[in-house]
Amino acid sequence: MSLTTQSLYFTGPRALEVRAEPLDGPGAGQVLLELVVSGISAGTELNVFRGLAPQWRQAMDPRTRLFSDAHGSDWHWPARYGYAAVGRVSALGANVTRLGMGDLVFAYVPHGRHAVVNAEAVVPLDTIDDPEIGVFFANLNTAYNGLLDANIALGADVVVSGLGVIGQLVTRLLARNGARQIIGIDGLEQRREAALAGGATSVIDPSTGEVAEKVRELTDGRGADTVIEVSGAAPALNEAIRTAGFNGTVVAMSWYGGSFESLSLSGEFHHNRPRIISSQVGTVNPFLGPLWSVARRGNIALEYLSALAPDLKGFVTHRVPLAEAERGYHLLDQGSPEVMQVLIDYR
């Protein structure tokens, strides 16, 4: 079995095209998916689109886990990307029993009309009626993983820096986690209002200056117990370090693609001893112990996906057909204030 499909390729920094290409049917243990929608990530994926990801210039040694340009790069143009797709099973390979024809599933696959994937790698969306809600499974895993890394105490004062999709999800999970104060920071009024609607106790516009000082006013001079930095902006990470209280924690959830001329490790960082944690969705906080796994985290995220469905639907601001995908990327790249989640719609 073979078919002709359409796939999205990155052909250079900020350049892409849709290509028609043949696709073989599923082999043993695989399924063929016909995609319904896929989400464009405003963080990691935008860095890849811009050509800022280190894999375009370097390769990571799998043994040492060090990046180096001594042996070329891991990625080369043209390349496919994307990791938040929802589709329906349209063909079953041999020995597939856990899925049926027409099942709605989530898959970590690149953008395109079809995908062949191992049946064990997809996430059945049995409890989700709307494919657009299913797209947020990847975002929710990232947000939830950040909270697991933060290991926040009941009654803590927490700052969420950056109120895009991930920041909004973090805010809503914090509201369920027992934080005493949830202080959202973003330069866009629409996003600050959405955070308040989702459980933030107060919000700050960073353009007014003195973010760290305002957080001190809200916390009796202490500063935040935890700052979850989701914006991906180097100045915001610097301000997060200033905003954390003595021995506080900064969770860096973003893949920083810019430069760090503003980063200061001399003042507050040196004297207030904050801990900076890198949160990466590929693994779970090891300090939680062997009971926690990526699979368990995913099962819980799926439960939250259903619970947060009304909010998630409201995060979708733009839908573009595959032929106009470039327009969707440029909407995110330009930072238009009305843009939150952009979907590629294959319907």
C-alpha atoms as a PDB file:
ATOM      1  CA  MET A   1       0.000   0.000   0.000  1.00  0.00           C
ATOM      2  CA  SER A   2       1.305   3.460  -0.884  1.00  0.00           C
ATOM      3  CA  LEU A   3      -0.172   6.925  -1.271  1.00  0.00           C
ATOM      4  CA  THR A   4       0.847  10.456  -2.131  1.00  0.00           C
ATOM      5  CA  THR A   5       0.812  12.855   0.771  1.00  0.00           C
ATOM      6  CA  GLN A   6       1.793  16.457   1.470  1.00  0.00           C
ATOM      7  CA  SER A   7       4.510  17.213   4.008  1.00  0.00           C
ATOM      8  CA  LEU A   8       5.836  20.462   5.453  1.00  0.00           C
ATOM      9  CA  TYR A   9       9.597  21.052   5.163  1.00  0.00           C
ATOM     10  CA  PHE A  10      11.831  23.711   6.700  1.00  0.00           C
ATOM     11  CA  THR A  11      14.162  24.711   3.848  1.00  0.00           C
ATOM     12  CA  GLY A  12      16.241  27.360   5.674  1.00  0.00           C
ATOM     13  CA  PRO A  13      15.914  29.948   8.425  1.00  0.00           C
ATOM     14  CA  ARG A  14      12.350  31.307   8.313  1.00  0.00           C
ATOM     15  CA  ALA A  15      11.685  29.451   5.051  1.00  0.00           C
ATOM     16  CA  LEU A  16       9.450  26.474   4.377  1.00  0.00           C
ATOM     17  CA  GLU A  17       7.514  24.720   1.657  1.00  0.00           C
ATOM     18  CA  VAL A  18       4.901  22.003   1.250  1.00  0.00           C
ATOM     19  CA  ARG A  19       6.041  19.017  -0.804  1.00  0.00           C
ATOM     20  CA  ALA A  20       4.078  16.175  -2.355  1.00  0.00           C
ATOM     21  CA  GLU A  21       5.787  12.862  -1.721  1.00  0.00           C
ATOM     22  CA  PRO A  22       5.040   9.135  -1.659  1.00  0.00           C
ATOM     23  CA  LEU A  23       4.305   7.421   1.639  1.00  0.00           C
ATOM     24  CA  ASP A  24       4.299   3.684   2.214  1.00  0.00           C
ATOM     25  CA  GLY A  25       1.526   2.121   4.240  1.00  0.00           C
ATOM     26  CA  PRO A  26       1.998   0.886   7.791  1.00  0.00           C
ATOM     27  CA  GLY A  27       4.201  -2.101   8.510  1.00  0.00           C
ATOM     28  CA  ALA A  28       3.803  -4.585  11.318  1.00  0.00           C
ATOM     29  CA  GLY A  29       3.004  -2.831  14.588  1.00  0.00           C
ATOM     30  CA  GLN A  30       2.389   0.498  12.834  1.00  0.00           C
ATOM     31  CA  VAL A  31      -0.646   2.618  11.964  1.00  0.00           C
ATOM     32  CA  LEU A  32      -1.316   5.170   9.242  1.00  0.00           C
ATOM     33  CA  LEU A  33      -2.729   8.429  10.548  1.00  0.00           C
ATOM     34  CA  GLU A  34      -4.687  10.962   8.572  1.00  0.00           C
ATOM     35  CA  LEU A  35      -4.043  14.209  10.416  1.00  0.00           C
ATOM     36  CA  VAL A  36      -6.894  16.510  11.420  1.00  0.00           C
ATOM     37  CA  VAL A  37      -4.943  19.361  13.041  1.00  0.00           C
ATOM     38  CA  SER A  38      -1.432  20.017  14.301  1.00  0.00           C
ATOM     39  CA  GLY A  39      -0.158  22.765  16.557  1.00  0.00           C
ATOM     40  CA  ILE A  40       2.747  25.113  15.881  1.00  0.00           C
ATOM     41  CA  SER A  41       4.827  25.590  19.018  1.00  0.00           C
ATOM     42  CA  ALA A  42       5.581  29.219  19.832  1.00  0.00           C
ATOM     43  CA  GLY A  43       8.689  28.214  21.784  1.00  0.00           C
ATOM     44  CA  THR A  44      10.897  25.330  20.699  1.00  0.00           C
ATOM     45  CA  GLU A  45       9.490  25.085  17.199  1.00  0.00           C
ATOM     46  CA  LEU A  46       9.813  28.797  16.566  1.00  0.00           C
ATOM     47  CA  ASN A  47      13.507  28.580  17.495  1.00  0.00           C
ATOM     48  CA  VAL A  48      13.872  25.747  14.982  1.00  0.00           C
ATOM     49  CA  PHE A  49      12.012  27.780  12.327  1.00  0.00           C
ATOM     50  CA  ARG A  50      14.277  30.757  12.955  1.00  0.00           C
ATOM     51  CA  GLY A  51      17.385  28.598  12.602  1.00  0.00           C
ATOM     52  CA  LEU A  52      18.446  29.242  16.201  1.00  0.00           C
ATOM     53  CA  ALA A  53      18.384  25.657  17.484  1.00  0.00           C
ATOM     54  CA  PRO A  54      21.939  24.423  18.189  1.00  0.00           C
ATOM     55  CA  GLN A  55      21.333  21.256  16.156  1.00  0.00           C
ATOM     56  CA  TRP A  56      21.506  23.313  12.952  1.00  0.00           C
ATOM     57  CA  ARG A  57      25.157  24.130  13.732  1.00  0.00           C
ATOM     58  CA  GLN A  58      26.342  21.392  16.083  1.00  0.00           C
ATOM     59  CA  ALA A  59      25.958  17.716  16.903  1.00  0.00           C
ATOM     60  CA  MET A  60      25.372  16.258  20.354  1.00  0.00           C
ATOM     61  CA  ASP A  61      27.634  13.373  21.304  1.00  0.00           C
ATOM     62  CA  PRO A  62      25.254  10.670  22.604  1.00  0.00           C
ATOM     63  CA  ARG A  63      27.912   9.410  25.021  1.00  0.00           C
ATOM     64  CA  THR A  64      29.020  12.690  26.593  1.00  0.00           C
ATOM     65  CA  ARG A  65      25.833  14.688  25.821  1.00  0.00           C
ATOM     66  CA  LEU A  66      28.033  17.612  24.751  1.00  0.00           C
ATOM     67  CA  PHE A  67      27.295  19.797  21.736  1.00  0.00           C
ATOM     68  CA  SER A  68      30.179  20.444  19.342  1.00  0.00           C
ATOM     69  CA  ASP A  69      30.670  21.656  15.777  1.00  0.00           C
ATOM     70  CA  ALA A  70      33.679  19.368  15.293  1.00  0.00           C
ATOM     71  CA  HIS A  71      31.654  16.711  13.481  1.00  0.00           C
ATOM     72  CA  GLY A  72      29.072  18.704  11.596  1.00  0.00           C
ATOM     73  CA  SER A  73      25.494  19.163  12.740  1.00  0.00           C
ATOM     74  CA  ASP A  74      22.624  16.901  13.764  1.00  0.00           C
ATOM     75  CA  TRP A  75      20.146  18.598  11.428  1.00  0.00           C
ATOM     76  CA  HIS A  76      20.357  19.665   7.794  1.00  0.00           C
ATOM     77  CA  TRP A  77      18.050  21.612   5.500  1.00  0.00           C
ATOM     78  CA  PRO A  78      15.548  20.631   4.275  1.00  0.00           C
ATOM     79  CA  ALA A  79      14.036  19.037   7.373  1.00  0.00           C
ATOM     80  CA  ARG A  80      10.657  18.170   8.778  1.00  0.00           C
ATOM     81  CA  TYR A  81       9.565  19.281  12.228  1.00  0.00           C
ATOM     82  CA  GLY A  82       6.552  19.414  14.526  1.00  0.00           C
ATOM     83  CA  TYR A  83       5.420  17.392  17.532  1.00  0.00           C
ATOM     84  CA  ALA A  84       1.776  18.119  18.304  1.00  0.00           C
ATOM     85  CA  ALA A  85      -0.511  16.326  15.866  1.00  0.00           C
ATOM     86  CA  VAL A  86      -3.992  14.860  16.170  1.00  0.00           C
ATOM     87  CA  GLY A  87      -5.329  12.483  13.569  1.00  0.00           C
ATOM     88  CA  ARG A  88      -7.478   9.459  12.922  1.00  0.00           C
ATOM     89  CA  VAL A  89      -6.266   5.936  12.299  1.00  0.00           C
ATOM     90  CA  SER A  90      -6.862   5.217   8.604  1.00  0.00           C
ATOM     91  CA  ALA A  91      -4.965   1.925   8.216  1.00  0.00           C
ATOM     92  CA  LEU A  92      -3.679  -0.750  10.586  1.00  0.00           C
ATOM     93  CA  GLY A  93      -0.496  -2.712  10.185  1.00  0.00           C
ATOM     94  CA  ALA A  94      -0.225  -6.368  11.136  1.00  0.00           C
ATOM     95  CA  ASN A  95      -0.452  -7.260  14.833  1.00  0.00           C
ATOM     96  CA  VAL A  96      -2.016  -3.940  15.900  1.00  0.00           C
ATOM     97  CA  THR A  97      -4.737  -4.626  18.459  1.00  0.00           C
ATOM     98  CA  ARG A  98      -4.823  -1.618  20.794  1.00  0.00           C
ATOM     99  CA  LEU A  99      -6.259   0.739  18.135  1.00  0.00           C
ATOM    100  CA  GLY A 100      -9.136   0.606  15.692  1.00  0.00           C
ATOM    101  CA  MET A 101      -9.979   2.272  12.413  1.00  0.00           C
ATOM    102  CA  GLY A 102     -11.140   5.853  12.889  1.00  0.00           C
ATOM    103  CA  ASP A 103      -9.723   6.205  16.416  1.00  0.00           C
ATOM    104  CA  LEU A 104      -8.741   9.770  17.334  1.00  0.00           C
ATOM    105  CA  VAL A 105      -5.146   9.869  18.592  1.00  0.00           C
ATOM    106  CA  PHE A 106      -2.327  12.254  19.451  1.00  0.00           C
ATOM    107  CA  ALA A 107       1.125  11.688  17.951  1.00  0.00           C
ATOM    108  CA  TYR A 108       4.518  13.382  18.180  1.00  0.00           C
ATOM    109  CA  VAL A 109       4.945  13.635  14.398  1.00  0.00           C
ATOM    110  CA  PRO A 110       5.913  16.431  11.970  1.00  0.00           C
ATOM    111  CA  HIS A 111       3.362  18.551  10.144  1.00  0.00           C
ATOM    112  CA  GLY A 112       1.805  16.920   7.091  1.00  0.00           C
ATOM    113  CA  ARG A 113      -1.374  15.271   5.928  1.00  0.00           C
ATOM    114  CA  HIS A 114      -0.356  11.750   6.908  1.00  0.00           C
ATOM    115  CA  ALA A 115       2.037   9.935   9.205  1.00  0.00           C
ATOM    116  CA  VAL A 116       3.083   6.334   9.705  1.00  0.00           C
ATOM    117  CA  VAL A 117       3.914   5.699  13.345  1.00  0.00           C
ATOM    118  CA  ASN A 118       4.360   2.810  15.755  1.00  0.00           C
ATOM    119  CA  ALA A 119       1.024   1.975  17.330  1.00  0.00           C
ATOM    120  CA  GLU A 120       2.561   1.969  20.814  1.00  0.00           C
ATOM    121  CA  ALA A 121       3.792   5.555  20.338  1.00  0.00           C
ATOM    122  CA  VAL A 122       0.403   7.208  19.831  1.00  0.00           C
ATOM    123  CA  VAL A 123      -1.865   8.445  22.606  1.00  0.00           C
ATOM    124  CA  PRO A 124      -5.525   7.447  22.262  1.00  0.00           C
ATOM    125  CA  LEU A 125      -7.844  10.398  22.879  1.00  0.00           C
ATOM    126  CA  ASP A 126     -10.842   8.352  24.016  1.00  0.00           C
ATOM    127  CA  THR A 127     -12.079  11.073  26.359  1.00  0.00           C
ATOM    128  CA  ILE A 128     -11.633  13.967  23.906  1.00  0.00           C
ATOM    129  CA  ASP A 129     -14.335  14.856  21.381  1.00  0.00           C
ATOM    130  CA  ASP A 130     -12.651  17.885  19.813  1.00  0.00           C
ATOM    131  CA  PRO A 131      -9.392  17.243  17.897  1.00  0.00           C
ATOM    132  CA  GLU A 132      -8.276  20.823  18.596  1.00  0.00           C
ATOM    133  CA  ILE A 133      -8.183  20.068  22.334  1.00  0.00           C
ATOM    134  CA  GLY A 134      -5.981  17.039  21.723  1.00  0.00           C
ATOM    135  CA  VAL A 135      -3.237  19.205  20.209  1.00  0.00           C
ATOM    136  CA  PHE A 136      -2.505  20.614  23.678  1.00  0.00           C
ATOM    137  CA  PHE A 137      -1.360  17.238  25.040  1.00  0.00           C
ATOM    138  CA  ALA A 138       2.264  18.163  24.246  1.00  0.00           C
ATOM    139  CA  ASN A 139       1.958  21.608  25.879  1.00  0.00           C
ATOM    140  CA  LEU A 140       0.303  20.156  28.950  1.00  0.00           C
ATOM    141  CA  ASN A 141       3.065  17.579  29.386  1.00  0.00           C
ATOM    142  CA  THR A 142       5.631  20.389  29.260  1.00  0.00           C
ATOM    143  CA  ALA A 143       3.742  22.553  31.761  1.00  0.00           C
ATOM    144  CA  TYR A 144       3.076  19.674  34.150  1.00  0.00           C
ATOM    145  CA  ASN A 145       6.704  18.542  33.933  1.00  0.00           C
ATOM    146  CA  GLY A 146       7.798  22.032  34.970  1.00  0.00           C
ATOM    147  CA  LEU A 147       5.673  21.821  38.096  1.00  0.00           C
ATOM    148  CA  LEU A 148       7.089  18.397  38.916  1.00  0.00           C
ATOM    149  CA  ASP A 149      10.593  19.830  38.554  1.00  0.00           C
ATOM    150  CA  ALA A 150       9.698  22.801  40.747  1.00  0.00           C
ATOM    151  CA  ASN A 151       8.345  20.577  43.555  1.00  0.00           C
ATOM    152  CA  ILE A 152       6.373  23.495  44.984  1.00  0.00           C
ATOM    153  CA  ALA A 153       5.361  23.496  48.654  1.00  0.00           C
ATOM    154  CA  LEU A 154       1.775  24.057  49.744  1.00  0.00           C
ATOM    155  CA  GLY A 155       1.348  27.777  50.464  1.00  0.00           C
ATOM    156  CA  ALA A 156       4.240  28.928  48.269  1.00  0.00           C
ATOM    157  CA  ASP A 157       4.326  32.251  46.450  1.00  0.00           C
ATOM    158  CA  VAL A 158       4.991  31.477  42.787  1.00  0.00           C
ATOM    159  CA  VAL A 159       5.733  33.734  39.814  1.00  0.00           C
ATOM    160  CA  VAL A 160       4.965  32.656  36.250  1.00  0.00           C
ATOM    161  CA  SER A 161       7.041  34.672  33.791  1.00  0.00           C
ATOM    162  CA  GLY A 162       5.556  34.564  30.289  1.00  0.00           C
ATOM    163  CA  LEU A 163       1.856  33.919  29.803  1.00  0.00           C
ATOM    164  CA  GLY A 164       1.675  32.261  26.416  1.00  0.00           C
ATOM    165  CA  VAL A 165       0.096  28.821  26.103  1.00  0.00           C
ATOM    166  CA  ILE A 166       2.567  27.089  28.440  1.00  0.00           C
ATOM    167  CA  GLY A 167       2.413  29.912  30.985  1.00  0.00           C
ATOM    168  CA  GLN A 168      -1.390  29.791  30.965  1.00  0.00           C
ATOM    169  CA  LEU A 169      -1.325  26.048  31.565  1.00  0.00           C
ATOM    170  CA  VAL A 170       1.244  26.406  34.356  1.00  0.00           C
ATOM    171  CA  THR A 171      -1.000  29.023  35.993  1.00  0.00           C
ATOM    172  CA  ARG A 172      -4.000  26.702  35.907  1.00  0.00           C
ATOM    173  CA  LEU A 173      -2.053  23.762  37.283  1.00  0.00           C
ATOM    174  CA  LEU A 174      -0.636  25.928  40.065  1.00  0.00           C
ATOM    175  CA  ALA A 175      -4.176  26.897  41.037  1.00  0.00           C
ATOM    176  CA  ARG A 176      -4.845  23.184  41.555  1.00  0.00           C
ATOM    177  CA  ASN A 177      -1.543  22.644  43.356  1.00  0.00           C
ATOM    178  CA  GLY A 178      -2.153  24.848  46.377  1.00  0.00           C
ATOM    179  CA  ALA A 179       0.079  27.853  45.682  1.00  0.00           C
ATOM    180  CA  ARG A 180      -0.710  30.757  48.034  1.00  0.00           C
ATOM    181  CA  GLN A 181      -0.020  33.413  45.423  1.00  0.00           C
ATOM    182  CA  ILE A 182       0.284  33.003  41.667  1.00  0.00           C
ATOM    183  CA  ILE A 183       1.794  36.131  40.164  1.00  0.00           C
ATOM    184  CA  GLY A 184       1.717  36.277  36.363  1.00  0.00           C
ATOM    185  CA  ILE A 185       4.084  38.435  34.327  1.00  0.00           C
ATOM    186  CA  ASP A 186       3.521  39.353  30.684  1.00  0.00           C
ATOM    187  CA  GLY A 187       3.611  42.478  28.554  1.00  0.00           C
ATOM    188  CA  LEU A 188       0.301  41.718  26.812  1.00  0.00           C
ATOM    189  CA  GLU A 189      -2.905  42.753  28.544  1.00  0.00           C
ATOM    190  CA  GLN A 190      -4.937  39.942  26.919  1.00  0.00           C
ATOM    191  CA  ARG A 191      -2.609  37.342  28.371  1.00  0.00           C
ATOM    192  CA  ARG A 192      -2.594  38.912  31.823  1.00  0.00           C
ATOM    193  CA  GLU A 193      -6.400  38.874  31.815  1.00  0.00           C
ATOM    194  CA  ALA A 194      -6.432  35.232  30.707  1.00  0.00           C
ATOM    195  CA  ALA A 195      -4.089  34.345  33.571  1.00  0.00           C
ATOM    196  CA  LEU A 196      -6.352  36.058  36.103  1.00  0.00           C
ATOM    197  CA  ALA A 197      -9.278  34.105  34.684  1.00  0.00           C
ATOM    198  CA  GLY A 198      -7.238  30.921  35.088  1.00  0.00           C
ATOM    199  CA  GLY A 199      -6.324  31.368  38.747  1.00  0.00           C
ATOM    200  CA  ALA A 200      -3.565  33.979  38.984  1.00  0.00           C
ATOM    201  CA  THR A 201      -3.953  36.102  42.108  1.00  0.00           C
ATOM    202  CA  SER A 202      -2.224  39.107  40.569  1.00  0.00           C
ATOM    203  CA  VAL A 203      -0.406  40.113  37.385  1.00  0.00           C
ATOM    204  CA  ILE A 204       2.431  42.491  36.529  1.00  0.00           C
ATOM    205  CA  ASP A 205       3.209  44.286  33.282  1.00  0.00           C
ATOM    206  CA  PRO A 206       7.031  44.071  32.945  1.00  0.00           C
ATOM    207  CA  SER A 207       7.128  47.132  30.706  1.00  0.00           C
ATOM    208  CA  THR A 208       6.448  49.277  33.775  1.00  0.00           C
ATOM    209  CA  GLY A 209       9.763  48.112  35.275  1.00  0.00           C
ATOM    210  CA  GLU A 210      10.678  46.883  38.750  1.00  0.00           C
ATOM    211  CA  VAL A 211       9.188  43.406  38.490  1.00  0.00           C
ATOM    212  CA  ALA A 212      11.368  42.031  41.289  1.00  0.00           C
ATOM    213  CA  GLU A 213      10.500  45.008  43.475  1.00  0.00           C
ATOM    214  CA  LYS A 214       6.756  44.563  42.937  1.00  0.00           C
ATOM    215  CA  VAL A 215       6.982  40.882  43.790  1.00  0.00           C
ATOM    216  CA  ARG A 216       8.765  41.840  47.016  1.00  0.00           C
ATOM    217  CA  GLU A 217       5.845  44.131  47.860  1.00  0.00           C
ATOM    218  CA  LEU A 218       3.433  41.224  47.406  1.00  0.00           C
ATOM    219  CA  THR A 219       5.499  38.817  49.514  1.00  0.00           C
ATOM    220  CA  ASP A 220       6.404  40.882  52.595  1.00  0.00           C
ATOM    221  CA  GLY A 221       9.843  41.581  51.156  1.00  0.00           C
ATOM    222  CA  ARG A 222      10.801  37.919  50.717  1.00  0.00           C
ATOM    223  CA  GLY A 223      10.570  37.482  46.971  1.00  0.00           C
ATOM    224  CA  ALA A 224       9.104  34.460  45.233  1.00  0.00           C
ATOM    225  CA  ASP A 225       9.634  30.955  46.544  1.00  0.00           C
ATOM    226  CA  THR A 226       9.642  29.785  42.932  1.00  0.00           C
ATOM    227  CA  VAL A 227       9.813  31.581  39.596  1.00  0.00           C
ATOM    228  CA  ILE A 228       8.748  29.532  36.589  1.00  0.00           C
ATOM    229  CA  GLU A 229      10.277  31.230  33.548  1.00  0.00           C
ATOM    230  CA  VAL A 230       8.405  30.307  30.372  1.00  0.00           C
ATOM    231  CA  SER A 231       8.999  33.270  28.065  1.00  0.00           C
ATOM    232  CA  GLY A 232      12.284  32.132  26.531  1.00  0.00           C
ATOM    233  CA  ALA A 233      13.614  35.700  26.653  1.00  0.00           C
ATOM    234  CA  ALA A 234      17.084  36.236  28.106  1.00  0.00           C
ATOM    235  CA  PRO A 235      16.134  39.461  29.954  1.00  0.00           C
ATOM    236  CA  ALA A 236      13.236  37.607  31.578  1.00  0.00           C
ATOM    237  CA  LEU A 237      15.573  34.923  32.912  1.00  0.00           C
ATOM    238  CA  ASN A 238      17.756  37.628  34.390  1.00  0.00           C
ATOM    239  CA  GLU A 239      14.712  39.213  36.049  1.00  0.00           C
ATOM    240  CA  ALA A 240      13.581  35.799  37.287  1.00  0.00           C
ATOM    241  CA  ILE A 241      16.883  35.450  39.153  1.00  0.00           C
ATOM    242  CA  ARG A 242      16.273  38.856  40.750  1.00  0.00           C
ATOM    243  CA  THR A 243      12.673  37.985  41.565  1.00  0.00           C
ATOM    244  CA  ALA A 244      13.380  34.763  43.463  1.00  0.00           C
ATOM    245  CA  GLY A 245      13.865  35.136  47.196  1.00  0.00           C
ATOM    246  CA  PHE A 246      16.861  33.950  49.215  1.00  0.00           C
ATOM    247  CA  ASN A 247      17.467  30.257  48.388  1.00  0.00           C
ATOM    248  CA  GLY A 248      14.486  30.393  46.058  1.00  0.00           C
ATOM    249  CA  THR A 249      14.128  28.400  42.851  1.00  0.00           C
ATOM    250  CA  VAL A 250      14.058  29.445  39.207  1.00  0.00           C
ATOM    251  CA  VAL A 251      12.685  26.855  36.791  1.00  0.00           C
ATOM    252  CA  ALA A 252      13.831  27.579  33.238  1.00  0.00           C
ATOM    253  CA  MET A 253      11.210  25.845  31.102  1.00  0.00           C
ATOM    254  CA  SER A 254      12.077  27.487  27.800  1.00  0.00           C
ATOM    255  CA  TRP A 255      14.587  26.641  25.094  1.00  0.00           C
ATOM    256  CA  TYR A 256      16.482  29.930  24.970  1.00  0.00           C
ATOM    257  CA  GLY A 257      17.399  30.792  21.418  1.00  0.00           C
ATOM    258  CA  GLY A 258      18.734  34.319  21.806  1.00  0.00           C
ATOM    259  CA  SER A 259      21.808  35.935  23.303  1.00  0.00           C
ATOM    260  CA  PHE A 260      22.427  36.602  26.974  1.00  0.00           C
ATOM    261  CA  GLU A 261      24.093  39.986  27.164  1.00  0.00           C
ATOM    262  CA  SER A 262      21.673  40.954  29.936  1.00  0.00           C
ATOM    263  CA  LEU A 263      22.368  37.943  32.172  1.00  0.00           C
ATOM    264  CA  SER A 264      23.986  38.969  35.442  1.00  0.00           C
ATOM    265  CA  LEU A 265      25.475  36.409  37.824  1.00  0.00           C
ATOM    266  CA  SER A 266      27.135  38.930  40.122  1.00  0.00           C
ATOM    267  CA  GLY A 267      24.394  40.597  42.174  1.00  0.00           C
ATOM    268  CA  GLU A 268      21.306  38.700  43.262  1.00  0.00           C
ATOM    269  CA  PHE A 269      22.486  35.387  41.857  1.00  0.00           C
ATOM    270  CA  HIS A 270      25.672  35.416  43.929  1.00  0.00           C
ATOM    271  CA  HIS A 271      24.226  36.836  47.138  1.00  0.00           C
ATOM    272  CA  ASN A 272      20.736  35.293  47.227  1.00  0.00           C
ATOM    273  CA  ARG A 273      21.782  31.760  46.213  1.00  0.00           C
ATOM    274  CA  PRO A 274      18.833  30.889  43.923  1.00  0.00           C
ATOM    275  CA  ARG A 275      18.760  27.434  42.401  1.00  0.00           C
ATOM    276  CA  ILE A 276      18.230  27.366  38.638  1.00  0.00           C
ATOM    277  CA  ILE A 277      16.631  24.184  37.302  1.00  0.00           C
ATOM    278  CA  SER A 278      16.433  23.277  33.635  1.00  0.00           C
ATOM    279  CA  SER A 279      13.109  21.596  32.941  1.00  0.00           C
ATOM    280  CA  GLN A 280      13.101  19.418  29.818  1.00  0.00           C
ATOM    281  CA  VAL A 281      10.057  17.349  28.951  1.00  0.00           C
ATOM    282  CA  GLY A 282      12.016  14.252  27.905  1.00  0.00           C
ATOM    283  CA  THR A 283      12.502  13.114  31.497  1.00  0.00           C
ATOM    284  CA  VAL A 284      10.775  13.430  34.881  1.00  0.00           C
ATOM    285  CA  ASN A 285      12.294  14.969  38.028  1.00  0.00           C
ATOM    286  CA  PRO A 286      14.574  12.165  39.323  1.00  0.00           C
ATOM    287  CA  PHE A 287      14.066  13.285  42.919  1.00  0.00           C
ATOM    288  CA  LEU A 288      10.460  12.118  42.721  1.00  0.00           C
ATOM    289  CA  GLY A 289      11.770   8.562  42.732  1.00  0.00           C
ATOM    290  CA  PRO A 290      11.095   5.412  40.719  1.00  0.00           C
ATOM    291  CA  LEU A 291       7.293   5.612  41.056  1.00  0.00           C
ATOM    292  CA  TRP A 292       7.269   8.469  38.546  1.00  0.00           C
ATOM    293  CA  SER A 293       7.804   7.934  34.836  1.00  0.00           C
ATOM    294  CA  VAL A 294       7.134   9.737  31.560  1.00  0.00           C
ATOM    295  CA  ALA A 295       4.238   7.346  30.974  1.00  0.00           C
ATOM    296  CA  ARG A 296       2.645   8.119  34.339  1.00  0.00           C
ATOM    297  CA  ARG A 297       3.067  11.842  33.748  1.00  0.00           C
ATOM    298  CA  GLY A 298       1.379  11.483  30.357  1.00  0.00           C
ATOM    299  CA  ASN A 299      -1.593   9.623  31.829  1.00  0.00           C
ATOM    300  CA  ILE A 300      -2.139  12.375  34.381  1.00  0.00           C
ATOM    301  CA  ALA A 301      -1.695  15.080  31.722  1.00  0.00           C
ATOM    302  CA  LEU A 302      -4.413  13.368  29.701  1.00  0.00           C
ATOM    303  CA  GLU A 303      -6.778  13.692  32.658  1.00  0.00           C
ATOM    304  CA  TYR A 304      -5.991  17.399  32.956  1.00  0.00           C
ATOM    305  CA  LEU A 305      -6.526  17.772  29.199  1.00  0.00           C
ATOM    306  CA  SER A 306     -10.180  16.880  29.654  1.00  0.00           C
ATOM    307  CA  ALA A 307     -10.556  19.041  32.754  1.00  0.00           C
ATOM    308  CA  LEU A 308      -9.085  22.116  31.041  1.00  0.00           C
ATOM    309  CA  ALA A 309     -10.861  21.651  27.702  1.00  0.00           C
ATOM    310  CA  PRO A 310     -12.983  24.850  27.861  1.00  0.00           C
ATOM    311  CA  ASP A 311      -9.905  27.018  28.484  1.00  0.00           C
ATOM    312  CA  LEU A 312      -7.833  25.221  25.860  1.00  0.00           C
ATOM    313  CA  LYS A 313     -10.383  25.844  23.136  1.00  0.00           C
ATOM    314  CA  GLY A 314     -10.156  29.557  23.875  1.00  0.00           C
ATOM    315  CA  PHE A 315      -6.368  29.521  23.421  1.00  0.00           C
ATOM    316  CA  VAL A 316      -6.753  28.706  19.714  1.00  0.00           C
ATOM    317  CA  THR A 317      -6.663  32.056  17.927  1.00  0.00           C
ATOM    318  CA  HIS A 318      -5.672  31.132  14.367  1.00  0.00           C
ATOM    319  CA  ARG A 319      -6.208  28.209  12.009  1.00  0.00           C
ATOM    320  CA  VAL A 320      -4.421  27.989   8.659  1.00  0.00           C
ATOM    321  CA  PRO A 321      -4.599  25.301   5.939  1.00  0.00           C
ATOM    322  CA  LEU A 322      -1.406  23.407   5.155  1.00  0.00           C
ATOM    323  CA  ALA A 323      -0.902  25.405   1.946  1.00  0.00           C
ATOM    324  CA  GLU A 324      -0.772  28.604   4.043  1.00  0.00           C
ATOM    325  CA  ALA A 325       1.370  27.243   6.890  1.00  0.00           C
ATOM    326  CA  GLU A 326       4.011  29.903   6.290  1.00  0.00           C
ATOM    327  CA  ARG A 327       1.465  32.554   7.283  1.00  0.00           C
ATOM    328  CA  GLY A 328       0.914  30.775  10.596  1.00  0.00           C
ATOM    329  CA  TYR A 329       4.623  30.709  11.391  1.00  0.00           C
ATOM    330  CA  HIS A 330       5.045  34.373  10.563  1.00  0.00           C
ATOM    331  CA  LEU A 331       2.125  35.310  12.819  1.00  0.00           C
ATOM    332  CA  LEU A 332       4.025  33.743  15.727  1.00  0.00           C
ATOM    333  CA  ASP A 333       7.402  35.008  14.581  1.00  0.00           C
ATOM    334  CA  GLN A 334       6.153  38.605  14.466  1.00  0.00           C
ATOM    335  CA  GLY A 335       4.793  38.362  18.005  1.00  0.00           C
ATOM    336  CA  SER A 336       1.372  39.738  17.120  1.00  0.00           C
ATOM    337  CA  PRO A 337      -0.436  40.446  20.415  1.00  0.00           C
ATOM    338  CA  GLU A 338      -3.650  38.711  19.376  1.00  0.00           C
ATOM    339  CA  VAL A 339      -1.888  35.429  18.551  1.00  0.00           C
ATOM    340  CA  MET A 340      -1.846  32.578  21.063  1.00  0.00           C
ATOM    341  CA  GLN A 341      -2.098  29.093  19.532  1.00  0.00           C
ATOM    342  CA  VAL A 342      -1.849  28.632  15.774  1.00  0.00           C
ATOM    343  CA  LEU A 343      -3.125  25.375  14.265  1.00  0.00           C
ATOM    344  CA  ILE A 344      -2.519  23.848  10.879  1.00  0.00           C
ATOM    345  CA  ASP A 345      -5.936  22.579   9.816  1.00  0.00           C
ATOM    346  CA  TYR A 346      -6.064  19.643   7.389  1.00  0.00           C
ATOM    347  CA  ARG A 347      -9.878  19.413   7.240  1.00  0.00           C
END
